[in-house]
N, C-alpha and C. Protein backbone atom coordinates (compact mmCIF):
# COMPACT_ATOMS: atom_id res chain seq x y z
N MET A 1 0.78 -1.45 0.27
CA MET A 1 -0.01 -0.09 -0.14
C MET A 1 0.60 1.14 0.14
N VAL A 2 0.57 2.06 -0.94
CA VAL A 2 1.51 3.16 -0.91
C VAL A 2 0.95 4.46 0.46
N GLU A 3 2.03 4.66 0.89
CA GLU A 3 1.68 5.51 2.12
C GLU A 3 2.53 6.84 1.86
N ARG A 4 2.83 7.05 0.57
CA ARG A 4 3.75 8.66 1.03
C ARG A 4 4.14 8.68 -0.53
N LEU A 5 4.03 10.25 -1.26
CA LEU A 5 4.57 10.67 -2.51
C LEU A 5 5.94 10.96 -2.06
N ILE A 6 7.03 10.40 -2.92
CA ILE A 6 8.39 11.10 -3.15
C ILE A 6 8.12 12.12 -4.18
N VAL A 7 8.31 13.32 -3.75
CA VAL A 7 8.21 14.88 -4.27
C VAL A 7 9.71 15.72 -4.24
N GLU A 8 9.86 15.91 -5.23
CA GLU A 8 11.16 17.18 -5.59
C GLU A 8 11.17 18.00 -6.37
N ASP A 9 11.13 19.13 -5.36
CA ASP A 9 11.05 20.44 -6.34
C ASP A 9 9.52 20.52 -6.86
N GLY A 10 8.63 19.93 -6.26
CA GLY A 10 7.20 20.42 -6.89
C GLY A 10 6.79 18.75 -7.68
N VAL A 11 7.40 18.10 -7.91
CA VAL A 11 7.15 16.96 -8.97
C VAL A 11 7.20 15.73 -8.49
N CYS A 12 6.49 15.06 -8.58
CA CYS A 12 6.64 13.87 -7.76
C CYS A 12 7.66 12.59 -8.85
N LYS A 13 7.89 11.82 -7.95
CA LYS A 13 9.11 11.03 -8.55
C LYS A 13 8.89 9.91 -8.36
N GLY A 14 7.70 9.52 -7.61
CA GLY A 14 7.69 7.72 -6.61
C GLY A 14 7.08 7.89 -6.16
N VAL A 15 6.74 6.72 -5.33
CA VAL A 15 5.84 6.18 -4.13
C VAL A 15 6.67 5.51 -2.91
N VAL A 16 6.15 5.93 -1.76
CA VAL A 16 6.70 5.09 -0.52
C VAL A 16 6.02 4.00 -0.02
N THR A 17 5.99 2.41 -0.09
CA THR A 17 5.05 1.64 0.34
C THR A 17 5.38 1.62 1.70
N ALA A 18 3.87 1.03 2.49
CA ALA A 18 4.24 0.73 3.80
C ALA A 18 5.18 0.05 4.58
N THR A 19 5.76 -0.70 3.38
CA THR A 19 6.94 -1.83 3.53
C THR A 19 8.21 -1.01 3.83
N GLY A 20 8.16 0.24 3.44
CA GLY A 20 9.49 1.16 3.26
C GLY A 20 10.09 0.94 2.00
N ALA A 21 9.38 0.11 0.92
CA ALA A 21 10.15 0.21 -0.42
C ALA A 21 9.91 1.17 -1.47
N GLU A 22 10.96 1.87 -1.86
CA GLU A 22 10.58 3.04 -2.58
C GLU A 22 10.53 2.36 -4.44
N TYR A 23 9.66 3.34 -4.89
CA TYR A 23 9.57 3.05 -6.44
C TYR A 23 9.27 4.50 -7.22
N HIS A 24 10.51 4.38 -8.07
CA HIS A 24 10.71 5.69 -8.86
C HIS A 24 9.90 5.53 -9.98
N ALA A 25 9.51 6.63 -10.73
CA ALA A 25 8.89 6.56 -11.62
C ALA A 25 8.95 8.21 -12.65
N LYS A 26 8.91 8.25 -14.09
CA LYS A 26 8.61 9.48 -14.73
C LYS A 26 6.99 10.18 -14.06
N ALA A 27 5.92 9.20 -13.72
CA ALA A 27 5.17 9.61 -13.62
C ALA A 27 4.04 8.46 -12.62
N VAL A 28 3.42 9.56 -11.61
CA VAL A 28 2.42 8.36 -10.39
C VAL A 28 1.34 9.04 -10.79
N VAL A 29 0.46 7.83 -10.84
CA VAL A 29 -1.00 7.76 -11.21
C VAL A 29 -1.88 7.43 -9.32
N LEU A 30 -2.43 8.10 -8.96
CA LEU A 30 -2.79 7.44 -8.13
C LEU A 30 -4.61 6.65 -8.34
N THR A 31 -4.85 5.37 -7.80
CA THR A 31 -6.26 5.39 -7.95
C THR A 31 -6.45 5.02 -6.57
N THR A 32 -6.97 5.64 -5.94
CA THR A 32 -7.56 5.49 -4.43
C THR A 32 -9.02 4.58 -4.37
N GLY A 33 -9.64 5.16 -5.07
CA GLY A 33 -11.34 5.00 -5.17
C GLY A 33 -11.87 4.85 -3.82
N VAL A 34 -12.56 4.50 -3.19
CA VAL A 34 -13.06 4.65 -1.72
C VAL A 34 -12.31 4.46 -0.55
N TYR A 35 -10.99 3.86 -1.42
CA TYR A 35 -9.92 3.55 0.17
C TYR A 35 -9.31 4.85 0.86
N LEU A 36 -9.41 6.07 -0.09
CA LEU A 36 -8.20 7.03 0.84
C LEU A 36 -9.12 7.98 1.84
N LYS A 37 -8.72 7.60 2.72
CA LYS A 37 -9.04 7.72 4.15
C LYS A 37 -9.84 7.05 4.03
N GLY A 38 -10.62 5.85 3.51
CA GLY A 38 -12.12 5.24 3.50
C GLY A 38 -12.53 5.14 5.07
N LYS A 39 -13.88 5.59 5.14
CA LYS A 39 -14.82 5.37 6.08
C LYS A 39 -16.08 4.51 6.22
N ILE A 40 -16.35 3.83 6.85
CA ILE A 40 -17.40 2.80 7.51
C ILE A 40 -18.25 3.92 8.43
N ILE A 41 -19.55 4.01 7.93
CA ILE A 41 -20.53 4.38 8.91
C ILE A 41 -22.10 3.70 9.02
N ILE A 42 -22.19 3.17 10.39
CA ILE A 42 -22.95 2.61 10.54
C ILE A 42 -24.04 2.93 11.65
N GLY A 43 -25.16 3.94 11.52
CA GLY A 43 -25.64 4.50 12.48
C GLY A 43 -24.49 5.75 12.94
N ASP A 44 -24.26 5.24 14.58
CA ASP A 44 -23.90 6.20 15.45
C ASP A 44 -22.33 5.56 15.23
N LEU A 45 -21.65 4.32 14.76
CA LEU A 45 -20.94 3.46 14.57
C LEU A 45 -20.44 4.28 13.45
N GLN A 46 -18.70 4.65 13.55
CA GLN A 46 -17.82 4.87 12.57
C GLN A 46 -16.43 4.26 12.61
N TYR A 47 -15.92 4.06 11.56
CA TYR A 47 -14.51 2.95 11.32
C TYR A 47 -13.73 3.28 10.92
N GLU A 48 -12.71 3.48 10.31
CA GLU A 48 -11.56 3.35 9.17
C GLU A 48 -11.72 2.67 8.93
N SER A 49 -12.31 2.26 7.18
CA SER A 49 -11.95 0.94 6.45
C SER A 49 -12.08 1.32 4.77
N GLY A 50 -12.29 0.25 4.29
CA GLY A 50 -12.53 0.11 3.06
C GLY A 50 -13.73 -0.78 2.72
N PRO A 51 -14.64 -1.06 1.66
CA PRO A 51 -15.34 -1.82 1.50
C PRO A 51 -14.64 -2.90 1.84
N ASN A 52 -15.67 -4.11 2.64
CA ASN A 52 -15.19 -5.45 2.25
C ASN A 52 -14.26 -5.32 3.74
N ASN A 53 -14.13 -4.71 4.81
CA ASN A 53 -12.92 -4.23 5.39
C ASN A 53 -11.36 -4.44 4.69
N MET A 54 -11.54 -4.05 4.21
CA MET A 54 -10.22 -3.89 3.18
C MET A 54 -9.70 -2.53 3.87
N GLN A 55 -8.68 -2.46 3.82
CA GLN A 55 -7.43 -1.51 4.72
C GLN A 55 -8.15 0.04 4.14
N ALA A 56 -8.13 1.01 4.68
CA ALA A 56 -8.34 2.29 4.71
C ALA A 56 -6.80 2.99 4.24
N SER A 57 -6.66 3.97 3.04
CA SER A 57 -5.27 4.66 2.78
C SER A 57 -5.23 5.64 3.70
N VAL A 58 -4.88 5.66 4.64
CA VAL A 58 -5.12 6.90 5.90
C VAL A 58 -3.66 7.31 5.94
N LYS A 59 -2.75 6.54 5.89
CA LYS A 59 -1.19 7.63 5.66
C LYS A 59 -1.27 8.77 4.52
N LEU A 60 -1.49 7.69 3.06
CA LEU A 60 -1.17 8.78 1.91
C LEU A 60 -2.51 9.87 1.99
N SER A 61 -3.77 9.25 2.52
CA SER A 61 -4.52 10.82 2.90
C SER A 61 -3.65 12.06 3.84
N ASP A 62 -3.00 11.61 4.50
CA ASP A 62 -2.31 12.46 5.26
C ASP A 62 -1.11 13.41 5.17
N ASN A 63 -0.86 12.42 4.06
CA ASN A 63 0.49 12.60 2.76
C ASN A 63 0.46 13.90 1.80
N LEU A 64 -1.07 13.86 1.55
CA LEU A 64 -1.68 14.30 0.31
C LEU A 64 -1.80 15.60 0.94
N LYS A 65 -2.42 15.58 2.13
CA LYS A 65 -2.50 16.73 3.20
C LYS A 65 -1.74 18.02 3.52
N GLU A 66 -0.72 17.06 3.48
CA GLU A 66 0.70 17.78 3.86
C GLU A 66 1.62 18.41 2.77
N LEU A 67 0.97 18.33 1.46
CA LEU A 67 1.51 18.33 0.42
C LEU A 67 0.70 19.23 0.25
N GLY A 68 -0.48 19.80 0.41
CA GLY A 68 -1.30 20.95 -0.04
C GLY A 68 -2.41 20.59 -0.56
N PHE A 69 -2.92 19.47 -0.94
CA PHE A 69 -4.04 18.93 -1.26
C PHE A 69 -5.29 18.92 -0.40
N ASP A 70 -6.24 19.69 -0.89
CA ASP A 70 -7.62 19.66 -0.25
C ASP A 70 -8.10 18.17 -0.34
N LEU A 71 -8.80 17.34 0.79
CA LEU A 71 -9.03 16.19 0.50
C LEU A 71 -10.97 16.32 0.88
N VAL A 72 -11.77 15.98 0.32
CA VAL A 72 -13.16 16.32 0.64
C VAL A 72 -13.92 14.60 0.26
N ARG A 73 -14.62 14.38 1.48
CA ARG A 73 -15.17 13.39 1.26
C ARG A 73 -16.48 13.45 0.90
N PHE A 74 -17.30 12.76 -0.39
CA PHE A 74 -18.72 12.66 -0.39
C PHE A 74 -19.15 11.17 0.07
N LYS A 75 -19.99 11.49 0.66
CA LYS A 75 -21.11 10.00 0.99
C LYS A 75 -21.44 9.58 -0.42
N THR A 76 -21.43 8.59 -0.13
CA THR A 76 -22.20 7.86 -1.34
C THR A 76 -23.51 7.32 -1.29
N GLY A 77 -24.04 7.23 0.07
CA GLY A 77 -25.20 6.73 0.35
C GLY A 77 -25.85 5.58 0.09
N THR A 78 -24.77 4.35 -0.15
CA THR A 78 -24.69 3.37 -0.24
C THR A 78 -26.06 2.46 -0.04
N PRO A 79 -27.45 2.19 -0.15
CA PRO A 79 -28.38 1.83 0.52
C PRO A 79 -27.44 0.14 1.29
N PRO A 80 -28.84 0.10 2.64
CA PRO A 80 -27.99 -1.56 2.59
C PRO A 80 -28.52 -2.82 1.86
N ARG A 81 -27.56 -3.51 1.47
CA ARG A 81 -28.01 -4.49 1.09
C ARG A 81 -28.93 -5.81 1.38
N VAL A 82 -29.92 -6.30 0.34
CA VAL A 82 -30.85 -7.31 1.19
C VAL A 82 -30.73 -8.31 -0.25
N ASN A 83 -30.89 -9.52 0.45
CA ASN A 83 -30.90 -10.75 -0.59
C ASN A 83 -32.42 -11.01 -1.21
N GLY A 84 -32.67 -10.69 -2.45
CA GLY A 84 -34.04 -10.74 -2.73
C GLY A 84 -34.54 -12.04 -2.56
N ARG A 85 -33.80 -13.11 -2.82
CA ARG A 85 -34.48 -14.26 -2.41
C ARG A 85 -35.03 -14.49 -1.25
N THR A 86 -34.79 -13.86 0.09
CA THR A 86 -34.86 -13.48 1.71
C THR A 86 -36.87 -12.03 1.34
N ILE A 87 -37.03 -12.08 0.48
CA ILE A 87 -38.25 -11.27 0.19
C ILE A 87 -39.37 -11.88 -0.16
N ASP A 88 -40.36 -11.88 0.57
CA ASP A 88 -41.67 -12.34 -0.27
C ASP A 88 -42.44 -10.92 -1.14
N LEU A 89 -42.24 -11.13 -2.64
CA LEU A 89 -42.89 -9.81 -3.65
C LEU A 89 -44.19 -10.20 -3.79
N ARG A 90 -44.80 -10.93 -3.56
CA ARG A 90 -46.16 -11.19 -3.66
C ARG A 90 -46.72 -10.13 -2.80
N GLN A 91 -47.93 -9.79 -3.65
CA GLN A 91 -48.98 -8.55 -3.31
C GLN A 91 -49.72 -9.38 -2.38
N ASN A 92 -49.92 -8.81 -0.78
CA ASN A 92 -50.77 -9.01 -0.19
C ASN A 92 -52.69 -9.17 -0.72
N ARG A 93 -53.06 -9.72 -1.03
CA ARG A 93 -54.01 -9.59 -1.24
C ARG A 93 -55.53 -9.47 -0.38
N ASN A 94 -55.18 -9.33 0.76
CA ASN A 94 -56.25 -9.11 1.88
C ASN A 94 -56.27 -7.52 2.37
N SER A 95 -55.08 -6.27 1.51
CA SER A 95 -55.27 -5.39 2.65
C SER A 95 -56.44 -4.73 0.69
N ALA A 96 -56.73 -3.47 1.60
CA ALA A 96 -57.38 -2.43 0.69
C ALA A 96 -56.89 -2.25 -0.26
N GLY A 97 -57.39 -1.73 -1.46
CA GLY A 97 -57.23 -1.01 -2.79
C GLY A 97 -56.73 -2.00 -4.01
């Protein structure tokens, strides 16, 4: 997992991973998706995580802030998932209307 960008004279020259490995490159493309400081919110419960309890990219988020980037969180509003096989979709014939 990338934790920090290697920036020299305002130019990104590579990345540093959680293991401390450095990768230098001519260009770096960040594809963070929902993992960038990802947060799971269930009612009043909140914790850092990505989908399916994958690790959230917290240190990279902090590094981007240090580099002057503004990070904005968008609420996805993902509805709870329900197994369609567990729902009786037949109309209730006893109700009025």
